[in-house]
């Protein structure tokens, strides 16, 4: 069975992040939940393309990728635009119930 969906969020604002719209498509197939593509737009100049996925059997590991073009962000120098991205972002979510100190979360980014 394959379950698909998607949507658009307009006038997105979250903490220090703002965008005119975010479009996304979701799929659940063979035990893997993915959001691909994710497209975020701001004005006529800024765009972020991304994707993310996680296997339901290994739900603590989240994989993602993103690329941005002229997207202005408050995380950058004022008036600066963020360009570039990475094809491999891996995040291991922490296991709050584990007594094992190695079960703490971690992350890596490969550019």
Protein backbone atom coordinates (compact mmCIF):
# COMPACT_ATOMS: atom_id res chain seq x y z
CA UNK A 1 0.00 0.00 0.00
CA UNK A 2 1.16 3.53 -0.79
CA UNK A 3 -0.31 6.55 0.99
CA UNK A 4 0.28 9.98 -0.54
CA UNK A 5 -0.64 13.52 0.36
CA UNK A 6 0.68 17.03 0.41
CA UNK A 7 -0.25 20.63 0.85
CA UNK A 8 0.65 24.28 0.88
CA UNK A 9 1.27 26.54 3.84
CA UNK A 10 0.88 30.21 2.97
CA UNK A 11 2.33 33.14 4.96
CA UNK A 12 4.54 30.82 6.97
CA UNK A 13 6.11 32.35 10.07
CA UNK A 14 7.91 30.40 12.76
CA UNK A 15 10.20 32.10 15.26
CA UNK A 16 12.88 33.85 13.12
CA UNK A 17 11.81 32.30 9.83
CA UNK A 18 9.27 33.68 7.35
CA UNK A 19 8.18 32.61 3.87
CA UNK A 20 5.38 33.42 1.46
CA UNK A 21 4.56 29.76 0.87
CA UNK A 22 5.79 26.23 1.50
CA UNK A 23 4.60 23.40 -0.78
CA UNK A 24 5.21 19.74 0.05
CA UNK A 25 4.29 16.22 -1.02
CA UNK A 26 4.20 13.27 1.39
CA UNK A 27 4.50 9.55 0.74
CA UNK A 28 4.36 6.47 2.94
CA UNK A 29 5.71 3.50 1.02
CA UNK A 30 7.41 0.29 2.14
CA UNK A 31 7.69 1.54 5.72
CA UNK A 32 9.39 4.83 4.76
CA UNK A 33 7.69 8.18 5.34
CA UNK A 34 9.05 10.93 3.09
CA UNK A 35 8.32 14.57 2.42
CA UNK A 36 9.70 15.16 -1.08
CA UNK A 37 9.76 17.71 -2.53
CA UNK A 38 9.59 20.59 -0.08
CA UNK A 39 9.63 23.99 -1.78
CA UNK A 40 9.73 27.20 0.24
CA UNK A 41 9.42 30.57 -1.49
CA UNK A 42 9.92 34.13 -0.32
CA UNK A 43 9.24 36.94 -2.75
CA UNK A 44 10.47 36.55 -6.30
CA UNK A 45 14.06 36.06 -5.15
CA UNK A 46 14.26 33.39 -2.49
CA UNK A 47 13.75 29.67 -2.70
CA UNK A 48 14.61 26.62 -0.63
CA UNK A 49 14.23 23.11 -2.04
CA UNK A 50 14.45 20.19 0.32
CA UNK A 51 13.40 16.70 1.23
CA UNK A 52 13.34 14.50 4.30
CA UNK A 53 12.58 10.89 5.12
CA UNK A 54 12.55 8.38 7.94
CA UNK A 55 12.05 4.64 8.08
CA UNK A 56 9.27 3.78 10.52
CA UNK A 57 11.37 0.85 11.81
CA UNK A 58 14.23 3.23 12.63
CA UNK A 59 12.23 6.33 13.54
CA UNK A 60 15.07 8.04 15.46
CA UNK A 61 17.15 8.47 12.27
CA UNK A 62 16.01 11.35 10.05
CA UNK A 63 17.65 11.97 6.67
CA UNK A 64 17.29 15.24 4.79
CA UNK A 65 18.73 17.48 2.09
CA UNK A 66 18.29 21.15 1.25
CA UNK A 67 19.43 23.75 -1.23
CA UNK A 68 18.67 27.47 -1.09
CA UNK A 69 18.91 30.27 -3.60
CA UNK A 70 18.96 33.92 -2.47
CA UNK A 71 16.87 33.18 0.58
CA UNK A 72 17.13 36.01 3.09
CA UNK A 73 17.26 34.81 6.65
CA UNK A 74 17.90 36.46 9.99
CA UNK A 75 20.50 33.76 10.68
CA UNK A 76 22.65 35.34 8.00
CA UNK A 77 24.29 38.76 8.17
CA UNK A 78 21.59 41.48 7.88
CA UNK A 79 20.68 41.99 4.24
CA UNK A 80 22.59 38.88 3.18
CA UNK A 81 21.09 36.06 1.17
CA UNK A 82 21.74 32.40 1.87
CA UNK A 83 22.81 30.28 -1.11
CA UNK A 84 23.96 26.68 -1.25
CA UNK A 85 23.01 23.57 0.60
CA UNK A 86 23.82 19.99 1.35
CA UNK A 87 22.69 16.67 -0.08
CA UNK A 88 23.09 14.67 3.12
CA UNK A 89 21.87 15.74 6.55
CA UNK A 90 21.57 12.88 9.04
CA UNK A 91 20.07 13.37 12.49
CA UNK A 92 19.77 10.70 15.17
CA UNK A 93 17.08 11.78 17.61
CA UNK A 94 17.81 11.22 21.29
CA UNK A 95 16.19 8.28 23.09
CA UNK A 96 14.88 9.95 26.24
CA UNK A 97 13.94 6.61 27.87
CA UNK A 98 17.33 4.96 27.51
CA UNK A 99 19.79 4.68 30.40
CA UNK A 100 22.56 4.24 27.83
CA UNK A 101 24.52 7.52 27.47
CA UNK A 102 25.33 6.54 23.87
CA UNK A 103 21.62 6.79 23.04
CA UNK A 104 21.91 10.57 23.04
CA UNK A 105 21.04 12.32 19.83
CA UNK A 106 23.59 13.30 17.21
CA UNK A 107 23.78 14.87 13.80
CA UNK A 108 26.03 15.17 10.80
CA UNK A 109 26.06 17.25 7.66
CA UNK A 110 27.99 16.29 4.56
CA UNK A 111 28.41 18.99 1.94
